[in-house]
Amino acid sequence: MFTGIIEEVGEVTAVEPSGDGVRVTVRGPKAVSDAAHGDSISVSGVCLTVVDQGSDWFTADVMKQTLDMSTLEGVSAGRVVNLERATAAHGRLGGHIVQGHIDGTGEVLEVRPGEQWQVLRISIPAELAPLVVDKGSIAVDGVSLTVSGASAAAPGDGWFEVSLIPETLAATTLGARVPGDRVNLETDILARHVQRLLAFSTEGGSK
């Protein structure tokens, strides 16, 4: 479990084939400062398990399903990534509940700079759009953000906007995003549960 508060920006240093998946090595001194074999680390929003580590790096296996669902598909050495260690049970929930289970990806459609901030408009697949609400929470590349705008409820793909403060721009990879970039999306776990419950309620009521 994570909170979406990024602890450091790391770098992928190696990618090796591993069956139908890959094994990635990531440099992240803070992420591994107290890590142990089997611990979870969020890599740009994707929960990965430490299988090997050194003083400033760790290695994790990424299975095919994760590659298919996230921007880790086609990952190569040199990519910068957002890193967050799993939150301690006694820690503060600074962002929101983030599982590290990616729902899909979106595309940066627009970057609007302000005096001290930037607004990103990001596309969202049609099946995820109902789970995104204005002033609600969403994780973009593992960063806990508040939705500052969303497209109207209508058929087809939609979009949402997030406003990035200077700290987010400086401390995460989102400050370097440009139109056309793909980003990992994780919608609010509470919204997903409500959607599932309503689906069963509707099915039951139609019998």
N, C-alpha and C. Protein backbone atom coordinates (compact mmCIF):
# COMPACT_ATOMS: atom_id res chain seq x y z
N MET A 1 0.83 -1.19 0.00
CA MET A 1 0.00 0.00 0.00
C MET A 1 0.88 1.25 0.00
N PHE A 2 0.47 2.25 -0.78
CA PHE A 2 1.24 3.48 -0.92
C PHE A 2 0.33 4.68 -0.69
N THR A 3 0.93 5.85 -0.66
CA THR A 3 0.12 7.07 -0.48
C THR A 3 0.22 8.02 -1.65
N GLY A 4 1.09 7.72 -2.61
CA GLY A 4 1.23 8.60 -3.77
C GLY A 4 2.10 9.81 -3.51
N ILE A 5 2.85 9.80 -2.41
CA ILE A 5 3.81 10.86 -2.12
C ILE A 5 5.19 10.36 -2.53
N ILE A 6 5.70 10.87 -3.65
CA ILE A 6 6.95 10.36 -4.22
C ILE A 6 8.13 10.72 -3.33
N GLU A 7 9.00 9.73 -3.08
CA GLU A 7 10.15 9.95 -2.20
C GLU A 7 11.41 10.35 -2.97
N GLU A 8 11.53 9.86 -4.19
CA GLU A 8 12.69 10.23 -5.01
C GLU A 8 12.42 9.85 -6.46
N VAL A 9 13.17 10.47 -7.34
CA VAL A 9 13.15 10.10 -8.76
C VAL A 9 14.36 9.20 -9.01
N GLY A 10 14.09 7.99 -9.50
CA GLY A 10 15.15 7.04 -9.77
C GLY A 10 15.36 6.87 -11.26
N GLU A 11 16.22 5.92 -11.61
CA GLU A 11 16.52 5.68 -13.02
C GLU A 11 16.65 4.19 -13.28
N VAL A 12 16.01 3.73 -14.34
CA VAL A 12 16.18 2.35 -14.77
C VAL A 12 17.58 2.20 -15.35
N THR A 13 18.34 1.24 -14.83
CA THR A 13 19.73 1.07 -15.27
C THR A 13 19.92 -0.18 -16.12
N ALA A 14 18.99 -1.13 -16.04
CA ALA A 14 19.12 -2.35 -16.83
C ALA A 14 17.76 -3.00 -17.00
N VAL A 15 17.56 -3.63 -18.17
CA VAL A 15 16.33 -4.39 -18.46
C VAL A 15 16.74 -5.69 -19.13
N GLU A 16 16.33 -6.81 -18.55
CA GLU A 16 16.67 -8.11 -19.11
C GLU A 16 15.40 -8.92 -19.36
N PRO A 17 15.32 -9.64 -20.48
CA PRO A 17 14.17 -10.52 -20.73
C PRO A 17 14.06 -11.57 -19.63
N SER A 18 12.83 -11.91 -19.27
CA SER A 18 12.61 -12.93 -18.25
C SER A 18 11.30 -13.65 -18.61
N GLY A 19 11.40 -14.71 -19.40
CA GLY A 19 10.20 -15.39 -19.89
C GLY A 19 9.42 -14.44 -20.78
N ASP A 20 8.12 -14.28 -20.50
CA ASP A 20 7.32 -13.33 -21.26
C ASP A 20 7.27 -11.96 -20.59
N GLY A 21 8.09 -11.78 -19.55
CA GLY A 21 8.18 -10.50 -18.88
C GLY A 21 9.60 -9.97 -18.95
N VAL A 22 9.94 -9.08 -18.04
CA VAL A 22 11.30 -8.55 -17.98
C VAL A 22 11.73 -8.43 -16.52
N ARG A 23 13.03 -8.34 -16.33
CA ARG A 23 13.60 -8.05 -15.01
C ARG A 23 14.29 -6.69 -15.11
N VAL A 24 13.85 -5.76 -14.28
CA VAL A 24 14.38 -4.40 -14.34
C VAL A 24 15.23 -4.10 -13.11
N THR A 25 16.26 -3.33 -13.32
CA THR A 25 17.09 -2.83 -12.22
C THR A 25 16.95 -1.32 -12.19
N VAL A 26 16.70 -0.80 -11.00
CA VAL A 26 16.43 0.63 -10.82
C VAL A 26 17.37 1.21 -9.78
N ARG A 27 17.96 2.35 -10.10
CA ARG A 27 18.78 3.05 -9.11
C ARG A 27 17.87 3.93 -8.28
N GLY A 28 17.93 3.74 -6.94
CA GLY A 28 17.12 4.53 -6.03
C GLY A 28 17.64 4.40 -4.62
N PRO A 29 18.62 5.20 -4.25
CA PRO A 29 19.26 5.05 -2.93
C PRO A 29 18.28 5.12 -1.75
N LYS A 30 17.35 6.05 -1.80
CA LYS A 30 16.41 6.18 -0.69
C LYS A 30 15.45 5.01 -0.65
N ALA A 31 15.02 4.56 -1.83
CA ALA A 31 14.06 3.46 -1.90
C ALA A 31 14.61 2.18 -1.29
N VAL A 32 15.92 1.97 -1.40
CA VAL A 32 16.50 0.73 -0.88
C VAL A 32 17.20 0.92 0.46
N SER A 33 17.12 2.12 1.02
CA SER A 33 17.85 2.42 2.26
C SER A 33 17.45 1.50 3.41
N ASP A 34 16.19 1.05 3.42
CA ASP A 34 15.76 0.12 4.47
C ASP A 34 14.97 -1.04 3.87
N ALA A 35 15.18 -1.30 2.58
CA ALA A 35 14.42 -2.35 1.89
C ALA A 35 15.01 -3.73 2.18
N ALA A 36 14.15 -4.72 2.08
CA ALA A 36 14.57 -6.11 2.24
C ALA A 36 13.98 -6.92 1.09
N HIS A 37 14.53 -8.11 0.89
CA HIS A 37 14.02 -9.00 -0.15
C HIS A 37 12.52 -9.22 0.05
N GLY A 38 11.72 -9.03 -1.01
CA GLY A 38 10.28 -9.23 -0.92
C GLY A 38 9.49 -7.97 -0.63
N ASP A 39 10.18 -6.87 -0.32
CA ASP A 39 9.47 -5.61 -0.07
C ASP A 39 8.88 -5.04 -1.36
N SER A 40 7.87 -4.20 -1.19
CA SER A 40 7.23 -3.57 -2.33
C SER A 40 7.72 -2.14 -2.52
N ILE A 41 7.98 -1.77 -3.76
CA ILE A 41 8.36 -0.40 -4.12
C ILE A 41 7.52 0.00 -5.33
N SER A 42 6.94 1.17 -5.27
CA SER A 42 6.17 1.69 -6.40
C SER A 42 7.11 2.35 -7.39
N VAL A 43 7.05 1.88 -8.64
CA VAL A 43 7.87 2.42 -9.72
C VAL A 43 6.93 3.10 -10.72
N SER A 44 6.87 4.42 -10.65
CA SER A 44 5.93 5.20 -11.45
C SER A 44 4.51 4.63 -11.34
N GLY A 45 4.16 4.27 -10.12
CA GLY A 45 2.80 3.82 -9.84
C GLY A 45 2.60 2.33 -9.91
N VAL A 46 3.59 1.58 -10.36
CA VAL A 46 3.47 0.13 -10.47
C VAL A 46 4.13 -0.53 -9.26
N CYS A 47 3.38 -1.32 -8.53
CA CYS A 47 3.92 -2.00 -7.36
C CYS A 47 4.79 -3.16 -7.81
N LEU A 48 6.09 -3.10 -7.48
CA LEU A 48 7.03 -4.16 -7.83
C LEU A 48 7.67 -4.74 -6.56
N THR A 49 8.10 -5.98 -6.65
CA THR A 49 8.68 -6.68 -5.50
C THR A 49 10.18 -6.79 -5.65
N VAL A 50 10.90 -6.40 -4.61
CA VAL A 50 12.36 -6.46 -4.61
C VAL A 50 12.82 -7.91 -4.60
N VAL A 51 13.61 -8.30 -5.61
CA VAL A 51 14.16 -9.66 -5.64
C VAL A 51 15.68 -9.66 -5.47
N ASP A 52 16.30 -8.51 -5.64
CA ASP A 52 17.74 -8.37 -5.42
C ASP A 52 17.99 -6.90 -5.18
N GLN A 53 19.09 -6.58 -4.51
CA GLN A 53 19.36 -5.18 -4.21
C GLN A 53 20.82 -4.97 -3.85
N GLY A 54 21.24 -3.70 -3.98
CA GLY A 54 22.57 -3.28 -3.56
C GLY A 54 22.43 -2.03 -2.74
N SER A 55 23.51 -1.29 -2.58
CA SER A 55 23.49 -0.11 -1.73
C SER A 55 22.64 1.01 -2.29
N ASP A 56 22.48 1.07 -3.63
CA ASP A 56 21.69 2.15 -4.21
C ASP A 56 20.81 1.68 -5.36
N TRP A 57 20.54 0.37 -5.44
CA TRP A 57 19.73 -0.16 -6.54
C TRP A 57 18.93 -1.36 -6.07
N PHE A 58 17.89 -1.68 -6.87
CA PHE A 58 17.12 -2.89 -6.62
C PHE A 58 16.67 -3.47 -7.96
N THR A 59 16.37 -4.75 -7.94
CA THR A 59 15.91 -5.45 -9.13
C THR A 59 14.54 -6.04 -8.84
N ALA A 60 13.67 -6.01 -9.84
CA ALA A 60 12.32 -6.55 -9.70
C ALA A 60 11.88 -7.20 -11.00
N ASP A 61 11.00 -8.18 -10.89
CA ASP A 61 10.43 -8.84 -12.06
C ASP A 61 9.12 -8.16 -12.43
N VAL A 62 8.91 -7.97 -13.73
CA VAL A 62 7.68 -7.37 -14.23
C VAL A 62 7.02 -8.37 -15.16
N MET A 63 5.83 -8.86 -14.79
CA MET A 63 5.17 -9.88 -15.61
C MET A 63 4.47 -9.25 -16.80
N LYS A 64 4.07 -10.10 -17.75
CA LYS A 64 3.50 -9.63 -19.01
C LYS A 64 2.25 -8.79 -18.80
N GLN A 65 1.37 -9.21 -17.89
CA GLN A 65 0.14 -8.45 -17.67
C GLN A 65 0.45 -7.01 -17.25
N THR A 66 1.46 -6.85 -16.39
CA THR A 66 1.85 -5.51 -15.96
C THR A 66 2.41 -4.71 -17.12
N LEU A 67 3.20 -5.35 -17.95
CA LEU A 67 3.73 -4.66 -19.13
C LEU A 67 2.60 -4.21 -20.05
N ASP A 68 1.60 -5.08 -20.23
CA ASP A 68 0.49 -4.76 -21.11
C ASP A 68 -0.36 -3.61 -20.58
N MET A 69 -0.44 -3.48 -19.25
CA MET A 69 -1.32 -2.49 -18.63
C MET A 69 -0.66 -1.16 -18.35
N SER A 70 0.65 -1.08 -18.43
CA SER A 70 1.36 0.10 -17.93
C SER A 70 2.39 0.63 -18.93
N THR A 71 2.99 1.74 -18.57
CA THR A 71 4.03 2.33 -19.40
C THR A 71 5.36 1.61 -19.27
N LEU A 72 5.42 0.56 -18.46
CA LEU A 72 6.65 -0.23 -18.38
C LEU A 72 6.84 -1.07 -19.63
N GLU A 73 5.81 -1.19 -20.45
CA GLU A 73 5.97 -1.85 -21.74
C GLU A 73 7.00 -1.08 -22.57
N GLY A 74 8.03 -1.77 -23.01
CA GLY A 74 9.08 -1.13 -23.80
C GLY A 74 10.08 -0.34 -22.97
N VAL A 75 10.06 -0.52 -21.65
CA VAL A 75 10.99 0.23 -20.79
C VAL A 75 12.43 -0.12 -21.15
N SER A 76 13.31 0.86 -21.05
CA SER A 76 14.72 0.63 -21.35
C SER A 76 15.58 1.41 -20.37
N ALA A 77 16.86 1.08 -20.34
CA ALA A 77 17.79 1.77 -19.44
C ALA A 77 17.80 3.26 -19.76
N GLY A 78 17.84 4.05 -18.70
CA GLY A 78 17.88 5.49 -18.86
C GLY A 78 16.57 6.18 -18.53
N ARG A 79 15.48 5.42 -18.46
CA ARG A 79 14.20 6.05 -18.14
C ARG A 79 14.17 6.47 -16.67
N VAL A 80 13.71 7.68 -16.41
CA VAL A 80 13.55 8.15 -15.04
C VAL A 80 12.16 7.77 -14.55
N VAL A 81 12.07 7.40 -13.29
CA VAL A 81 10.83 6.88 -12.72
C VAL A 81 10.61 7.46 -11.32
N ASN A 82 9.34 7.56 -10.94
CA ASN A 82 8.98 7.98 -9.59
C ASN A 82 9.04 6.77 -8.65
N LEU A 83 9.65 6.95 -7.48
CA LEU A 83 9.79 5.85 -6.52
C LEU A 83 9.15 6.19 -5.19
N GLU A 84 8.48 5.21 -4.63
CA GLU A 84 7.91 5.34 -3.28
C GLU A 84 7.94 3.99 -2.60
N ARG A 85 8.46 3.96 -1.38
CA ARG A 85 8.39 2.74 -0.59
C ARG A 85 6.98 2.54 -0.05
N ALA A 86 6.63 1.29 0.26
CA ALA A 86 5.33 1.01 0.86
C ALA A 86 5.21 1.77 2.17
N THR A 87 4.03 2.30 2.44
CA THR A 87 3.84 3.11 3.64
C THR A 87 3.78 2.22 4.89
N ALA A 88 4.33 2.70 5.97
CA ALA A 88 4.26 1.98 7.24
C ALA A 88 2.87 2.16 7.85
N ALA A 89 2.40 1.16 8.57
CA ALA A 89 1.05 1.21 9.14
C ALA A 89 0.87 2.39 10.10
N HIS A 90 1.96 2.83 10.71
CA HIS A 90 1.87 3.93 11.67
C HIS A 90 2.19 5.28 11.02
N GLY A 91 2.40 5.28 9.69
CA GLY A 91 2.78 6.51 9.01
C GLY A 91 1.58 7.38 8.68
N ARG A 92 1.88 8.62 8.26
CA ARG A 92 0.82 9.54 7.85
C ARG A 92 0.37 9.23 6.43
N LEU A 93 -0.93 9.33 6.19
CA LEU A 93 -1.48 9.14 4.85
C LEU A 93 -1.50 10.51 4.17
N GLY A 94 -0.33 10.90 3.63
CA GLY A 94 -0.19 12.25 3.09
C GLY A 94 -0.94 12.47 1.80
N GLY A 95 -1.13 11.40 1.00
CA GLY A 95 -1.84 11.54 -0.26
C GLY A 95 -3.21 10.88 -0.17
N HIS A 96 -3.37 9.73 -0.84
CA HIS A 96 -4.57 8.92 -0.69
C HIS A 96 -4.18 7.46 -0.82
N ILE A 97 -5.11 6.55 -0.62
CA ILE A 97 -4.79 5.13 -0.67
C ILE A 97 -4.48 4.73 -2.11
N VAL A 98 -3.24 4.33 -2.34
CA VAL A 98 -2.77 3.91 -3.67
C VAL A 98 -2.27 2.48 -3.56
N GLN A 99 -2.77 1.61 -4.41
CA GLN A 99 -2.41 0.19 -4.31
C GLN A 99 -1.21 -0.18 -5.17
N GLY A 100 -0.93 0.62 -6.18
CA GLY A 100 0.13 0.24 -7.11
C GLY A 100 -0.36 -0.74 -8.16
N HIS A 101 -1.69 -0.82 -8.33
CA HIS A 101 -2.31 -1.68 -9.32
C HIS A 101 -2.86 -0.79 -10.44
N ILE A 102 -2.14 -0.71 -11.52
CA ILE A 102 -2.48 0.21 -12.60
C ILE A 102 -3.76 -0.23 -13.31
N ASP A 103 -4.68 0.73 -13.53
CA ASP A 103 -5.92 0.45 -14.25
C ASP A 103 -5.73 0.56 -15.76
N GLY A 104 -4.76 1.33 -16.17
CA GLY A 104 -4.52 1.56 -17.59
C GLY A 104 -3.62 2.77 -17.77
N THR A 105 -3.54 3.25 -18.99
CA THR A 105 -2.69 4.41 -19.26
C THR A 105 -3.51 5.50 -19.93
N GLY A 106 -3.01 6.72 -19.83
CA GLY A 106 -3.59 7.85 -20.51
C GLY A 106 -2.51 8.58 -21.28
N GLU A 107 -2.93 9.51 -22.11
CA GLU A 107 -1.99 10.31 -22.89
C GLU A 107 -2.11 11.77 -22.50
N VAL A 108 -0.97 12.41 -22.30
CA VAL A 108 -0.98 13.84 -22.02
C VAL A 108 -1.45 14.56 -23.28
N LEU A 109 -2.57 15.26 -23.15
CA LEU A 109 -3.16 15.96 -24.29
C LEU A 109 -2.70 17.41 -24.37
N GLU A 110 -2.48 18.00 -23.20
CA GLU A 110 -2.18 19.44 -23.16
C GLU A 110 -1.42 19.77 -21.88
N VAL A 111 -0.48 20.69 -21.99
CA VAL A 111 0.22 21.21 -20.82
C VAL A 111 0.04 22.73 -20.83
N ARG A 112 -0.62 23.24 -19.78
CA ARG A 112 -0.88 24.68 -19.70
C ARG A 112 -0.08 25.25 -18.53
N PRO A 113 0.95 26.04 -18.82
CA PRO A 113 1.75 26.60 -17.73
C PRO A 113 1.07 27.79 -17.09
N GLY A 114 1.27 27.93 -15.79
CA GLY A 114 0.83 29.11 -15.04
C GLY A 114 2.04 29.80 -14.46
N GLU A 115 1.82 30.78 -13.63
CA GLU A 115 2.94 31.51 -13.03
C GLU A 115 3.78 30.61 -12.14
N GLN A 116 3.12 29.73 -11.39
CA GLN A 116 3.85 28.86 -10.47
C GLN A 116 3.40 27.41 -10.56
N TRP A 117 2.61 27.07 -11.54
CA TRP A 117 2.08 25.73 -11.61
C TRP A 117 1.88 25.35 -13.07
N GLN A 118 1.49 24.09 -13.28
CA GLN A 118 1.13 23.62 -14.61
C GLN A 118 -0.15 22.80 -14.50
N VAL A 119 -0.96 22.90 -15.52
CA VAL A 119 -2.16 22.07 -15.62
C VAL A 119 -1.93 21.05 -16.72
N LEU A 120 -2.12 19.78 -16.39
CA LEU A 120 -2.03 18.72 -17.38
C LEU A 120 -3.43 18.23 -17.71
N ARG A 121 -3.75 18.14 -18.99
CA ARG A 121 -4.97 17.48 -19.42
C ARG A 121 -4.57 16.12 -19.97
N ILE A 122 -5.20 15.08 -19.45
CA ILE A 122 -4.82 13.70 -19.75
C ILE A 122 -6.03 12.92 -20.22
N SER A 123 -5.87 12.17 -21.30
CA SER A 123 -6.97 11.33 -21.78
C SER A 123 -7.18 10.17 -20.82
N ILE A 124 -8.40 9.66 -20.81
CA ILE A 124 -8.69 8.51 -19.96
C ILE A 124 -9.60 7.56 -20.73
N PRO A 125 -9.30 6.25 -20.71
CA PRO A 125 -10.13 5.29 -21.43
C PRO A 125 -11.59 5.36 -20.98
N ALA A 126 -12.50 5.06 -21.90
CA ALA A 126 -13.93 5.19 -21.62
C ALA A 126 -14.36 4.38 -20.40
N GLU A 127 -13.77 3.20 -20.20
CA GLU A 127 -14.19 2.36 -19.08
C GLU A 127 -13.75 2.91 -17.73
N LEU A 128 -12.74 3.79 -17.72
CA LEU A 128 -12.27 4.38 -16.46
C LEU A 128 -12.89 5.74 -16.18
N ALA A 129 -13.41 6.39 -17.20
CA ALA A 129 -13.93 7.75 -17.05
C ALA A 129 -14.97 7.89 -15.93
N PRO A 130 -15.90 6.92 -15.74
CA PRO A 130 -16.89 7.07 -14.66
C PRO A 130 -16.28 7.07 -13.26
N LEU A 131 -15.02 6.62 -13.14
CA LEU A 131 -14.38 6.53 -11.83
C LEU A 131 -13.62 7.80 -11.46
N VAL A 132 -13.63 8.78 -12.35
CA VAL A 132 -12.90 10.03 -12.11
C VAL A 132 -13.88 11.16 -11.91
N VAL A 133 -13.76 11.86 -10.79
CA VAL A 133 -14.70 12.92 -10.45
C VAL A 133 -13.93 14.19 -10.08
N ASP A 134 -14.48 15.32 -10.43
CA ASP A 134 -13.87 16.60 -10.09
C ASP A 134 -13.65 16.69 -8.58
N LYS A 135 -12.47 17.08 -8.18
CA LYS A 135 -12.03 17.18 -6.78
C LYS A 135 -11.80 15.82 -6.13
N GLY A 136 -11.86 14.76 -6.92
CA GLY A 136 -11.54 13.44 -6.40
C GLY A 136 -10.05 13.15 -6.53
N SER A 137 -9.65 11.96 -6.12
CA SER A 137 -8.23 11.58 -6.14
C SER A 137 -7.93 10.65 -7.30
N ILE A 138 -6.72 10.79 -7.84
CA ILE A 138 -6.23 9.89 -8.87
C ILE A 138 -4.71 9.83 -8.76
N ALA A 139 -4.13 8.69 -9.10
CA ALA A 139 -2.67 8.56 -9.12
C ALA A 139 -2.20 8.55 -10.57
N VAL A 140 -1.29 9.46 -10.90
CA VAL A 140 -0.72 9.56 -12.24
C VAL A 140 0.78 9.28 -12.11
N ASP A 141 1.23 8.20 -12.73
CA ASP A 141 2.62 7.76 -12.58
C ASP A 141 3.01 7.64 -11.11
N GLY A 142 2.03 7.20 -10.30
CA GLY A 142 2.27 6.98 -8.88
C GLY A 142 2.14 8.20 -8.01
N VAL A 143 1.84 9.36 -8.60
CA VAL A 143 1.73 10.61 -7.84
C VAL A 143 0.28 10.84 -7.44
N SER A 144 0.03 11.02 -6.15
CA SER A 144 -1.31 11.31 -5.67
C SER A 144 -1.69 12.73 -6.05
N LEU A 145 -2.78 12.88 -6.83
CA LEU A 145 -3.20 14.18 -7.32
C LEU A 145 -4.70 14.36 -7.14
N THR A 146 -5.12 15.62 -7.10
CA THR A 146 -6.54 15.95 -7.04
C THR A 146 -7.01 16.36 -8.43
N VAL A 147 -8.10 15.77 -8.87
CA VAL A 147 -8.67 16.10 -10.17
C VAL A 147 -9.21 17.52 -10.12
N SER A 148 -8.74 18.38 -11.02
CA SER A 148 -9.18 19.78 -11.03
C SER A 148 -10.18 20.07 -12.15
N GLY A 149 -10.45 19.07 -12.97
CA GLY A 149 -11.44 19.22 -14.03
C GLY A 149 -11.63 17.89 -14.73
N ALA A 150 -12.82 17.65 -15.27
CA ALA A 150 -13.10 16.39 -15.96
C ALA A 150 -14.11 16.63 -17.07
N SER A 151 -14.02 15.83 -18.12
CA SER A 151 -14.95 15.94 -19.23
C SER A 151 -16.35 15.54 -18.79
N ALA A 152 -17.33 15.99 -19.55
CA ALA A 152 -18.72 15.65 -19.25
C ALA A 152 -18.96 14.16 -19.44
N ALA A 153 -19.97 13.65 -18.73
CA ALA A 153 -20.34 12.25 -18.88
C ALA A 153 -20.98 12.06 -20.25
N ALA A 154 -20.28 11.39 -21.14
CA ALA A 154 -20.76 11.18 -22.50
C ALA A 154 -20.07 9.96 -23.07
N PRO A 155 -20.66 9.31 -24.07
CA PRO A 155 -20.03 8.14 -24.67
C PRO A 155 -18.65 8.49 -25.25
N GLY A 156 -17.77 7.50 -25.26
CA GLY A 156 -16.45 7.71 -25.82
C GLY A 156 -15.41 8.05 -24.77
N ASP A 157 -14.18 8.16 -25.22
CA ASP A 157 -13.09 8.48 -24.30
C ASP A 157 -13.23 9.90 -23.78
N GLY A 158 -12.78 10.11 -22.55
CA GLY A 158 -12.85 11.42 -21.94
C GLY A 158 -11.48 11.91 -21.54
N TRP A 159 -11.46 12.92 -20.68
CA TRP A 159 -10.21 13.48 -20.19
C TRP A 159 -10.42 14.00 -18.77
N PHE A 160 -9.32 14.24 -18.11
CA PHE A 160 -9.35 14.91 -16.80
C PHE A 160 -8.14 15.82 -16.72
N GLU A 161 -8.19 16.75 -15.79
CA GLU A 161 -7.07 17.67 -15.59
C GLU A 161 -6.59 17.61 -14.15
N VAL A 162 -5.28 17.81 -13.99
CA VAL A 162 -4.67 17.94 -12.66
C VAL A 162 -3.79 19.17 -12.67
N SER A 163 -3.76 19.87 -11.54
CA SER A 163 -2.94 21.07 -11.40
C SER A 163 -1.73 20.75 -10.53
N LEU A 164 -0.54 20.98 -11.07
CA LEU A 164 0.69 20.59 -10.40
C LEU A 164 1.36 21.80 -9.76
N ILE A 165 1.59 21.71 -8.46
CA ILE A 165 2.27 22.78 -7.73
C ILE A 165 3.78 22.68 -7.97
N PRO A 166 4.53 23.72 -7.64
CA PRO A 166 5.99 23.69 -7.88
C PRO A 166 6.68 22.47 -7.26
N GLU A 167 6.29 22.05 -6.07
CA GLU A 167 6.92 20.90 -5.43
C GLU A 167 6.73 19.64 -6.27
N THR A 168 5.53 19.43 -6.79
CA THR A 168 5.27 18.26 -7.62
C THR A 168 6.07 18.32 -8.92
N LEU A 169 6.15 19.50 -9.50
CA LEU A 169 6.91 19.66 -10.75
C LEU A 169 8.38 19.35 -10.53
N ALA A 170 8.92 19.74 -9.37
CA ALA A 170 10.34 19.57 -9.10
C ALA A 170 10.68 18.18 -8.58
N ALA A 171 9.77 17.55 -7.83
CA ALA A 171 10.09 16.32 -7.11
C ALA A 171 9.64 15.05 -7.81
N THR A 172 8.97 15.17 -8.97
CA THR A 172 8.50 14.00 -9.69
C THR A 172 8.82 14.13 -11.18
N THR A 173 8.52 13.11 -11.93
CA THR A 173 8.75 13.14 -13.37
C THR A 173 7.68 13.93 -14.12
N LEU A 174 6.60 14.32 -13.44
CA LEU A 174 5.50 14.98 -14.13
C LEU A 174 5.87 16.36 -14.66
N GLY A 175 6.88 16.98 -14.08
CA GLY A 175 7.30 18.29 -14.55
C GLY A 175 7.88 18.27 -15.95
N ALA A 176 8.30 17.10 -16.42
CA ALA A 176 8.90 16.98 -17.75
C ALA A 176 7.93 16.43 -18.78
N ARG A 177 6.68 16.20 -18.40
CA ARG A 177 5.72 15.61 -19.33
C ARG A 177 5.33 16.60 -20.41
N VAL A 178 5.17 16.08 -21.64
CA VAL A 178 4.78 16.89 -22.79
C VAL A 178 3.64 16.17 -23.50
N PRO A 179 2.85 16.88 -24.32
CA PRO A 179 1.78 16.23 -25.06
C PRO A 179 2.29 15.03 -25.86
N GLY A 180 1.54 13.95 -25.78
CA GLY A 180 1.92 12.71 -26.44
C GLY A 180 2.52 11.68 -25.51
N ASP A 181 2.99 12.11 -24.34
CA ASP A 181 3.54 11.17 -23.36
C ASP A 181 2.43 10.29 -22.78
N ARG A 182 2.74 9.03 -22.54
CA ARG A 182 1.83 8.13 -21.86
C ARG A 182 2.14 8.12 -20.37
N VAL A 183 1.10 8.01 -19.56
CA VAL A 183 1.26 7.97 -18.11
C VAL A 183 0.40 6.86 -17.54
N ASN A 184 0.85 6.31 -16.40
CA ASN A 184 0.09 5.27 -15.71
C ASN A 184 -1.03 5.91 -14.90
N LEU A 185 -2.19 5.26 -14.90
CA LEU A 185 -3.34 5.76 -14.17
C LEU A 185 -3.84 4.71 -13.18
N GLU A 186 -4.09 5.15 -11.96
CA GLU A 186 -4.78 4.31 -10.97
C GLU A 186 -5.92 5.13 -10.39
N THR A 187 -7.13 4.68 -10.61
CA THR A 187 -8.29 5.39 -10.10
C THR A 187 -8.49 5.09 -8.61
N ASP A 188 -9.39 5.82 -8.00
CA ASP A 188 -9.64 5.71 -6.57
C ASP A 188 -10.25 4.34 -6.25
N ILE A 189 -9.66 3.63 -5.29
CA ILE A 189 -10.12 2.29 -4.92
C ILE A 189 -11.56 2.32 -4.44
N LEU A 190 -11.98 3.40 -3.76
CA LEU A 190 -13.37 3.48 -3.28
C LEU A 190 -14.34 3.55 -4.45
N ALA A 191 -13.97 4.30 -5.49
CA ALA A 191 -14.83 4.40 -6.68
C ALA A 191 -14.95 3.05 -7.37
N ARG A 192 -13.88 2.29 -7.41
CA ARG A 192 -13.91 0.98 -8.05
C ARG A 192 -14.82 0.02 -7.31
N HIS A 193 -14.78 0.07 -5.98
CA HIS A 193 -15.65 -0.81 -5.19
C HIS A 193 -17.12 -0.43 -5.38
N VAL A 194 -17.42 0.85 -5.39
CA VAL A 194 -18.80 1.30 -5.58
C VAL A 194 -19.31 0.85 -6.96
N GLN A 195 -18.48 1.01 -7.99
CA GLN A 195 -18.87 0.60 -9.33
C GLN A 195 -19.19 -0.90 -9.36
N ARG A 196 -18.39 -1.70 -8.71
CA ARG A 196 -18.59 -3.15 -8.68
C ARG A 196 -19.88 -3.50 -7.94
N LEU A 197 -20.12 -2.86 -6.80
CA LEU A 197 -21.33 -3.13 -6.03
C LEU A 197 -22.59 -2.75 -6.82
N LEU A 198 -22.52 -1.62 -7.51
CA LEU A 198 -23.66 -1.18 -8.31
C LEU A 198 -23.93 -2.14 -9.46
N ALA A 199 -22.87 -2.70 -10.04
CA ALA A 199 -23.04 -3.65 -11.13
C ALA A 199 -23.81 -4.88 -10.66
N PHE A 200 -23.49 -5.39 -9.48
CA PHE A 200 -24.21 -6.54 -8.94
C PHE A 200 -25.63 -6.17 -8.57
N SER A 201 -25.82 -4.98 -8.04
CA SER A 201 -27.16 -4.52 -7.65
C SER A 201 -28.06 -4.43 -8.88
N THR A 202 -27.52 -3.90 -9.97
CA THR A 202 -28.29 -3.77 -11.21
C THR A 202 -28.65 -5.12 -11.78
N GLU A 203 -27.69 -6.04 -11.76
CA GLU A 203 -27.95 -7.38 -12.27
C GLU A 203 -29.01 -8.09 -11.45
N GLY A 204 -28.93 -7.93 -10.11
CA GLY A 204 -29.90 -8.58 -9.26
C GLY A 204 -31.29 -8.01 -9.43
N GLY A 205 -31.35 -6.68 -9.64
CA GLY A 205 -32.66 -6.04 -9.74
C GLY A 205 -33.36 -6.30 -11.07
N SER A 206 -32.61 -6.78 -12.06
CA SER A 206 -33.20 -6.99 -13.38
C SER A 206 -33.80 -8.38 -13.55
N LYS A 207 -33.62 -9.22 -12.56
CA LYS A 207 -34.13 -10.59 -12.66
C LYS A 207 -35.63 -10.63 -12.33
